[in-house]
């Protein structure tokens, strides 16, 4: 995911947060790779799933300005399922 793509997705047209947003992209990608490995990167469909997950993580982190999740929030089944699917790829 590029910074320009993310800014378009979030409808951001200023440059003040560019460094912060670029960091969010990197952090989300690292998180996904640490959770599931990198074997999924050989499959186009898996890459699309990972990209959607990356978009969700970055959007959530930007919107909430935090990675803290309150106790009353339920587990996101789509995120869990997607991470499970991506982790099934063997290196």
Protein backbone atom coordinates (compact mmCIF):
# COMPACT_ATOMS: atom_id res chain seq x y z
CA UNK A 1 0.00 0.00 0.00
CA UNK A 2 1.35 3.38 -0.92
CA UNK A 3 0.99 6.56 1.08
CA UNK A 4 -0.96 8.18 -1.75
CA UNK A 5 -3.38 5.25 -1.86
CA UNK A 6 -3.92 5.45 1.90
CA UNK A 7 -4.47 9.19 1.85
CA UNK A 8 -7.02 8.77 -0.91
CA UNK A 9 -8.72 5.98 1.05
CA UNK A 10 -8.89 8.14 4.18
CA UNK A 11 -9.74 11.28 2.17
CA UNK A 12 -6.72 13.15 3.49
CA UNK A 13 -5.42 15.94 1.28
CA UNK A 14 -2.83 17.56 3.55
CA UNK A 15 0.76 16.49 4.21
CA UNK A 16 1.03 17.12 7.96
CA UNK A 17 0.55 13.45 8.88
CA UNK A 18 2.46 11.85 6.00
CA UNK A 19 5.24 10.50 8.21
CA UNK A 20 2.74 9.16 10.75
CA UNK A 21 0.65 7.49 8.01
CA UNK A 22 3.72 5.94 6.40
CA UNK A 23 4.67 4.52 9.81
CA UNK A 24 1.17 3.06 10.20
CA UNK A 25 1.52 1.27 6.87
CA UNK A 26 4.86 -0.19 7.92
CA UNK A 27 3.61 -1.19 11.37
CA UNK A 28 0.49 -2.88 10.00
CA UNK A 29 2.54 -4.80 7.42
CA UNK A 30 5.04 -5.92 10.05
CA UNK A 31 2.18 -7.01 12.31
CA UNK A 32 0.58 -9.11 9.58
CA UNK A 33 3.90 -10.69 8.60
CA UNK A 34 4.79 -11.52 12.21
CA UNK A 35 1.34 -13.04 12.81
CA UNK A 36 1.23 -15.23 9.72
CA UNK A 37 4.69 -15.35 8.14
CA UNK A 38 5.41 -14.26 4.59
CA UNK A 39 4.54 -17.38 2.59
CA UNK A 40 1.18 -15.85 1.65
CA UNK A 41 3.02 -13.33 -0.54
CA UNK A 42 3.38 -15.97 -3.28
CA UNK A 43 -0.38 -16.14 -3.90
CA UNK A 44 -2.28 -13.30 -5.60
CA UNK A 45 -5.55 -13.99 -3.78
CA UNK A 46 -3.79 -14.08 -0.42
CA UNK A 47 -2.08 -10.79 -1.24
CA UNK A 48 -5.48 -9.22 -1.88
CA UNK A 49 -6.76 -10.50 1.47
CA UNK A 50 -3.67 -9.18 3.21
CA UNK A 51 -4.11 -5.81 1.50
CA UNK A 52 -7.68 -5.52 2.76
CA UNK A 53 -6.49 -6.42 6.25
CA UNK A 54 -3.70 -3.87 5.99
CA UNK A 55 -6.23 -1.20 4.99
CA UNK A 56 -8.42 -2.07 7.96
CA UNK A 57 -5.54 -1.99 10.44
CA UNK A 58 -4.20 1.33 9.17
CA UNK A 59 -7.66 2.90 9.05
CA UNK A 60 -8.45 1.73 12.58
CA UNK A 61 -5.12 2.93 13.97
CA UNK A 62 -5.52 6.31 12.27
CA UNK A 63 -9.12 6.76 13.36
CA UNK A 64 -8.54 5.69 16.96
CA UNK A 65 -5.03 7.15 17.18
CA UNK A 66 -4.29 4.17 19.36
CA UNK A 67 -3.80 0.42 19.31
CA UNK A 68 -5.64 0.07 22.61
CA UNK A 69 -8.89 -1.87 22.44
CA UNK A 70 -11.46 -1.35 25.14
CA UNK A 71 -12.78 -4.39 26.95
CA UNK A 72 -16.31 -3.95 25.64
CA UNK A 73 -15.28 -4.39 21.98
CA UNK A 74 -15.93 -7.80 20.52
CA UNK A 75 -13.34 -9.69 18.52
CA UNK A 76 -13.49 -8.95 14.80
CA UNK A 77 -14.22 -12.28 13.14
CA UNK A 78 -13.17 -11.07 9.69
CA UNK A 79 -9.74 -10.08 10.97
CA UNK A 80 -9.33 -13.35 12.86
CA UNK A 81 -10.46 -15.45 9.90
CA UNK A 82 -8.23 -13.57 7.47
CA UNK A 83 -5.19 -13.97 9.71
CA UNK A 84 -5.99 -17.68 10.02
CA UNK A 85 -6.28 -18.06 6.25
CA UNK A 86 -3.00 -16.23 5.61
CA UNK A 87 -1.20 -18.28 8.22
CA UNK A 88 -2.05 -21.50 6.39
CA UNK A 89 0.46 -20.73 3.65
CA UNK A 90 3.66 -22.72 4.17
CA UNK A 91 7.12 -21.36 3.43
